[in-house]
N, C-alpha and C. Protein backbone atom coordinates (compact mmCIF):
# COMPACT_ATOMS: atom_id res chain seq x y z
N UNK A 1 47.60 31.41 17.01
CA UNK A 1 46.57 31.55 16.03
C UNK A 1 45.18 31.64 16.76
N UNK A 2 44.41 32.61 16.51
CA UNK A 2 43.16 32.75 17.16
C UNK A 2 42.03 31.98 16.47
N UNK A 3 41.01 31.72 17.18
CA UNK A 3 39.92 31.15 16.57
C UNK A 3 38.62 31.85 17.21
N UNK A 4 37.51 31.66 16.47
CA UNK A 4 36.24 32.27 16.93
C UNK A 4 35.55 31.13 17.73
N UNK A 5 34.54 31.67 18.59
CA UNK A 5 33.84 30.75 19.38
C UNK A 5 32.45 30.62 18.79
N UNK A 6 31.92 29.35 18.71
CA UNK A 6 30.59 29.13 18.30
C UNK A 6 29.65 29.41 19.62
N UNK A 7 28.65 30.26 19.42
CA UNK A 7 27.82 30.58 20.61
C UNK A 7 26.34 30.39 20.29
N UNK A 8 25.94 30.65 19.07
CA UNK A 8 24.54 30.64 18.73
C UNK A 8 24.07 29.21 18.65
N UNK A 9 22.80 28.90 19.17
CA UNK A 9 22.31 27.56 18.99
C UNK A 9 22.05 27.19 17.56
N UNK A 10 21.84 28.12 16.75
CA UNK A 10 21.69 27.84 15.20
C UNK A 10 22.94 27.32 14.57
N UNK A 11 24.13 27.90 15.06
CA UNK A 11 25.31 27.41 14.58
C UNK A 11 25.66 25.90 14.99
N UNK A 12 25.36 25.66 16.26
CA UNK A 12 25.49 24.29 16.73
C UNK A 12 24.57 23.30 15.99
N UNK A 13 23.27 23.74 15.78
CA UNK A 13 22.31 22.90 15.13
C UNK A 13 22.75 22.60 13.69
N UNK A 14 23.27 23.66 13.06
CA UNK A 14 23.71 23.36 11.63
C UNK A 14 24.78 22.26 11.59
N UNK A 15 25.78 22.37 12.52
CA UNK A 15 26.82 21.37 12.64
C UNK A 15 26.29 19.96 12.95
N UNK A 16 25.29 19.89 13.84
CA UNK A 16 24.75 18.61 14.28
C UNK A 16 23.97 18.02 13.09
N UNK A 17 23.32 18.81 12.25
CA UNK A 17 22.52 18.32 11.13
C UNK A 17 23.43 18.03 9.93
N UNK A 18 24.29 19.00 9.53
CA UNK A 18 25.04 18.87 8.24
C UNK A 18 26.48 18.51 8.35
N UNK A 19 27.07 18.54 9.59
CA UNK A 19 28.45 18.34 9.73
C UNK A 19 28.97 16.93 9.58
N UNK A 20 30.16 16.73 9.22
CA UNK A 20 30.85 15.38 9.19
C UNK A 20 31.33 15.17 10.56
N UNK A 21 31.51 13.91 10.85
CA UNK A 21 31.96 13.42 12.17
C UNK A 21 33.24 12.67 12.12
N UNK A 22 34.06 12.96 13.12
CA UNK A 22 35.31 12.20 13.30
C UNK A 22 35.29 11.61 14.73
N UNK A 23 35.71 10.35 14.83
CA UNK A 23 35.68 9.67 16.18
C UNK A 23 37.08 9.32 16.69
N UNK A 24 37.18 9.28 17.96
CA UNK A 24 38.41 8.77 18.62
C UNK A 24 37.86 8.21 20.03
N UNK A 25 38.75 7.51 20.71
CA UNK A 25 38.24 6.91 22.02
C UNK A 25 37.72 7.93 23.03
N UNK A 26 38.20 9.18 23.00
CA UNK A 26 37.82 10.04 23.99
C UNK A 26 37.00 11.35 23.40
N UNK A 27 36.88 11.46 22.11
CA UNK A 27 36.21 12.56 21.54
C UNK A 27 35.44 12.16 20.27
N UNK A 28 34.38 13.01 20.01
CA UNK A 28 33.70 13.06 18.68
C UNK A 28 33.82 14.46 18.24
N UNK A 29 34.21 14.66 17.02
CA UNK A 29 34.38 15.95 16.40
C UNK A 29 33.43 16.11 15.26
N UNK A 30 32.58 17.14 15.32
CA UNK A 30 31.74 17.47 14.23
C UNK A 30 32.37 18.67 13.48
N UNK A 31 32.45 18.67 12.14
CA UNK A 31 33.15 19.68 11.49
C UNK A 31 32.47 20.01 10.10
N UNK A 32 32.63 21.18 9.67
CA UNK A 32 32.00 21.57 8.44
C UNK A 32 32.92 22.73 7.88
N UNK A 33 33.24 22.78 6.59
CA UNK A 33 34.06 23.82 6.06
C UNK A 33 33.42 25.20 6.24
N UNK A 34 34.22 26.16 6.62
CA UNK A 34 33.74 27.47 6.91
C UNK A 34 34.14 28.51 5.78
N UNK A 35 33.19 29.47 5.58
CA UNK A 35 33.52 30.54 4.62
C UNK A 35 34.31 31.72 5.35
N UNK A 36 34.37 31.72 6.56
CA UNK A 36 34.97 32.75 7.41
C UNK A 36 36.49 32.64 7.22
N UNK A 37 37.20 33.70 7.60
CA UNK A 37 38.69 33.72 7.50
C UNK A 37 39.34 32.92 8.65
N UNK A 38 38.65 32.70 9.77
CA UNK A 38 39.09 32.03 10.90
C UNK A 38 38.29 30.78 11.25
N UNK A 39 38.96 29.85 11.84
CA UNK A 39 38.19 28.60 12.32
C UNK A 39 37.42 28.98 13.53
N UNK A 40 36.23 28.40 13.62
CA UNK A 40 35.41 28.67 14.81
C UNK A 40 35.15 27.32 15.54
N UNK A 41 35.11 27.33 16.74
CA UNK A 41 35.07 26.20 17.63
C UNK A 41 34.05 26.35 18.79
N UNK A 42 33.30 25.23 19.11
CA UNK A 42 32.41 25.21 20.26
C UNK A 42 32.54 23.83 20.94
N UNK A 43 32.11 23.80 22.17
CA UNK A 43 32.15 22.57 22.89
C UNK A 43 30.73 22.22 23.43
N UNK A 44 30.33 21.02 23.33
CA UNK A 44 29.04 20.59 23.91
C UNK A 44 29.30 19.48 24.84
N UNK A 45 28.90 19.67 26.09
CA UNK A 45 29.16 18.76 27.18
C UNK A 45 27.94 18.56 27.98
N UNK A 46 27.46 17.34 28.29
CA UNK A 46 26.25 17.09 29.00
C UNK A 46 26.49 16.85 30.47
N UNK A 47 25.41 16.90 31.19
CA UNK A 47 25.46 16.74 32.66
C UNK A 47 25.90 15.37 33.12
N UNK A 48 25.93 14.41 32.22
CA UNK A 48 26.31 13.09 32.57
C UNK A 48 27.86 12.94 32.89
N UNK A 49 28.56 14.03 32.56
CA UNK A 49 30.01 14.08 32.80
C UNK A 49 30.31 14.44 34.25
N UNK A 50 29.37 14.91 34.99
CA UNK A 50 29.57 15.33 36.40
C UNK A 50 29.07 16.62 36.65
N UNK A 51 29.37 17.18 37.81
CA UNK A 51 28.98 18.45 38.30
C UNK A 51 29.72 19.50 37.53
N UNK A 52 29.30 20.76 37.68
CA UNK A 52 29.77 21.89 36.87
C UNK A 52 31.31 22.04 36.96
N UNK A 53 31.85 21.82 38.15
CA UNK A 53 33.33 21.91 38.26
C UNK A 53 34.09 21.02 37.37
N UNK A 54 33.59 19.75 37.30
CA UNK A 54 34.28 18.77 36.36
C UNK A 54 33.96 19.16 34.94
N UNK A 55 32.89 19.59 34.65
CA UNK A 55 32.55 19.89 33.17
C UNK A 55 33.30 21.09 32.75
N UNK A 56 33.43 22.09 33.64
CA UNK A 56 34.35 23.27 33.29
C UNK A 56 35.76 22.94 33.09
N UNK A 57 36.26 22.04 33.90
CA UNK A 57 37.63 21.58 33.75
C UNK A 57 37.85 20.86 32.41
N UNK A 58 36.90 20.01 32.05
CA UNK A 58 36.95 19.37 30.71
C UNK A 58 36.87 20.32 29.59
N UNK A 59 36.08 21.38 29.78
CA UNK A 59 36.07 22.48 28.70
C UNK A 59 37.36 23.20 28.56
N UNK A 60 38.00 23.49 29.72
CA UNK A 60 39.25 24.11 29.64
C UNK A 60 40.32 23.30 29.02
N UNK A 61 40.35 22.01 29.38
CA UNK A 61 41.32 21.05 28.70
C UNK A 61 41.01 20.97 27.19
N UNK A 62 39.87 20.93 26.77
CA UNK A 62 39.57 20.89 25.31
C UNK A 62 39.90 22.15 24.60
N UNK A 63 39.64 23.27 25.17
CA UNK A 63 40.07 24.56 24.54
C UNK A 63 41.57 24.61 24.31
N UNK A 64 42.28 24.30 25.36
CA UNK A 64 43.76 24.29 25.27
C UNK A 64 44.26 23.25 24.28
N UNK A 65 43.72 22.09 24.31
CA UNK A 65 44.12 21.08 23.33
C UNK A 65 43.88 21.44 21.87
N UNK A 66 42.69 22.18 21.70
CA UNK A 66 42.36 22.65 20.39
C UNK A 66 43.35 23.73 19.99
N UNK A 67 43.76 24.66 20.85
CA UNK A 67 44.71 25.65 20.53
C UNK A 67 46.11 25.03 20.14
N UNK A 68 46.43 23.99 20.84
CA UNK A 68 47.68 23.23 20.55
C UNK A 68 47.69 22.62 19.18
N UNK A 69 46.61 22.06 18.74
CA UNK A 69 46.54 21.31 17.45
C UNK A 69 45.97 22.10 16.36
N UNK A 70 45.51 23.29 16.54
CA UNK A 70 44.89 24.06 15.46
C UNK A 70 45.76 24.38 14.29
N UNK A 71 47.05 24.50 14.52
CA UNK A 71 47.95 24.81 13.41
C UNK A 71 48.10 23.68 12.40
N UNK A 72 47.76 22.49 12.72
CA UNK A 72 47.86 21.33 11.83
C UNK A 72 46.74 21.23 10.82
N UNK A 73 45.68 22.01 11.04
CA UNK A 73 44.57 21.96 10.13
C UNK A 73 44.78 22.76 8.90
N UNK A 74 44.32 22.29 7.72
CA UNK A 74 44.48 23.00 6.53
C UNK A 74 43.09 23.53 6.16
N UNK A 75 43.02 24.80 6.09
CA UNK A 75 41.76 25.44 5.77
C UNK A 75 41.04 25.84 7.03
N UNK A 76 39.85 26.45 6.82
CA UNK A 76 39.04 26.97 7.98
C UNK A 76 37.80 26.09 8.16
N UNK A 77 37.39 25.82 9.37
CA UNK A 77 36.30 24.95 9.64
C UNK A 77 35.49 25.52 10.84
N UNK A 78 34.22 25.07 10.90
CA UNK A 78 33.40 25.21 12.13
C UNK A 78 33.44 23.86 12.77
N UNK A 79 33.79 23.86 14.03
CA UNK A 79 34.05 22.63 14.73
C UNK A 79 33.25 22.58 16.01
N UNK A 80 32.71 21.43 16.43
CA UNK A 80 32.11 21.22 17.68
C UNK A 80 32.80 19.94 18.36
N UNK A 81 33.35 20.11 19.50
CA UNK A 81 34.00 19.02 20.20
C UNK A 81 33.07 18.42 21.18
N UNK A 82 32.85 17.10 21.13
CA UNK A 82 31.98 16.30 22.09
C UNK A 82 32.86 15.34 22.82
N UNK A 83 33.22 15.58 24.15
CA UNK A 83 33.97 14.62 24.84
C UNK A 83 33.04 13.34 25.22
N UNK A 84 33.82 12.26 25.27
CA UNK A 84 33.01 10.99 25.76
C UNK A 84 33.33 10.87 27.35
N UNK A 85 32.43 10.16 27.96
CA UNK A 85 32.51 9.98 29.36
C UNK A 85 33.64 8.96 29.61
N UNK A 86 34.53 9.28 30.51
CA UNK A 86 35.63 8.41 30.88
C UNK A 86 36.07 8.65 32.30
N UNK A 87 36.83 7.77 32.89
CA UNK A 87 37.30 7.88 34.21
C UNK A 87 38.26 9.05 34.42
N UNK A 88 39.22 9.25 33.51
CA UNK A 88 40.28 10.21 33.69
C UNK A 88 40.30 11.10 32.44
N UNK A 89 40.35 12.45 32.70
CA UNK A 89 40.44 13.40 31.60
C UNK A 89 41.79 14.01 31.62
N UNK A 90 42.60 13.90 30.49
CA UNK A 90 43.85 14.52 30.56
C UNK A 90 44.14 15.26 29.27
N UNK A 91 44.92 16.32 29.42
CA UNK A 91 45.33 17.19 28.28
C UNK A 91 46.07 16.37 27.21
N UNK A 92 47.03 15.55 27.58
CA UNK A 92 47.83 14.83 26.54
C UNK A 92 46.92 13.95 25.74
N UNK A 93 45.96 13.31 26.32
CA UNK A 93 44.98 12.41 25.62
C UNK A 93 44.21 13.15 24.59
N UNK A 94 43.66 14.32 24.98
CA UNK A 94 42.94 15.16 24.06
C UNK A 94 43.82 15.68 22.91
N UNK A 95 45.03 16.09 23.20
CA UNK A 95 45.89 16.50 22.13
C UNK A 95 46.16 15.39 21.12
N UNK A 96 46.55 14.19 21.61
CA UNK A 96 46.79 13.06 20.76
C UNK A 96 45.60 12.71 19.91
N UNK A 97 44.41 12.69 20.51
CA UNK A 97 43.26 12.26 19.75
C UNK A 97 42.80 13.31 18.79
N UNK A 98 42.96 14.58 19.06
CA UNK A 98 42.63 15.64 18.10
C UNK A 98 43.59 15.59 16.92
N UNK A 99 44.84 15.36 17.17
CA UNK A 99 45.82 15.21 16.04
C UNK A 99 45.53 14.03 15.21
N UNK A 100 45.10 12.98 15.83
CA UNK A 100 44.75 11.75 15.12
C UNK A 100 43.57 11.98 14.24
N UNK A 101 42.54 12.67 14.77
CA UNK A 101 41.30 12.93 14.01
C UNK A 101 41.66 13.88 12.84
N UNK A 102 42.50 14.92 13.05
CA UNK A 102 42.86 15.90 11.98
C UNK A 102 43.51 15.13 10.84
N UNK A 103 44.45 14.23 11.18
CA UNK A 103 45.15 13.44 10.12
C UNK A 103 44.21 12.54 9.42
N UNK A 104 43.43 11.83 10.12
CA UNK A 104 42.48 10.76 9.54
C UNK A 104 41.42 11.48 8.70
N UNK A 105 40.85 12.49 9.10
CA UNK A 105 39.82 13.13 8.31
C UNK A 105 40.36 14.10 7.27
N UNK A 106 41.63 14.27 7.24
CA UNK A 106 42.33 15.19 6.28
C UNK A 106 41.79 16.63 6.40
N UNK A 107 41.72 17.13 7.56
CA UNK A 107 41.19 18.52 7.74
C UNK A 107 42.32 19.55 7.59
């Protein structure tokens, strides 16, 4: 299943202002129902996570975790993933926490 990428600052700002939030130990998810036919997703990660190599690795892990859990969502949403700072970043952790948020928030 394909998804669209959020790229415009106005799209991110809309989600930060009006979006609902879901929390887990490693992630915060901002989401808002979308009128488009496909789900759109963006990632926001700050410099406190480390240098660019580490931040890019976190983004790759999050994109792949989102692809793995996207089928469990009901409906289409605009989503922003915000990772929390931690010692170890793993694909399995992100997948588990995304599934947990999807079930908890009934997305």
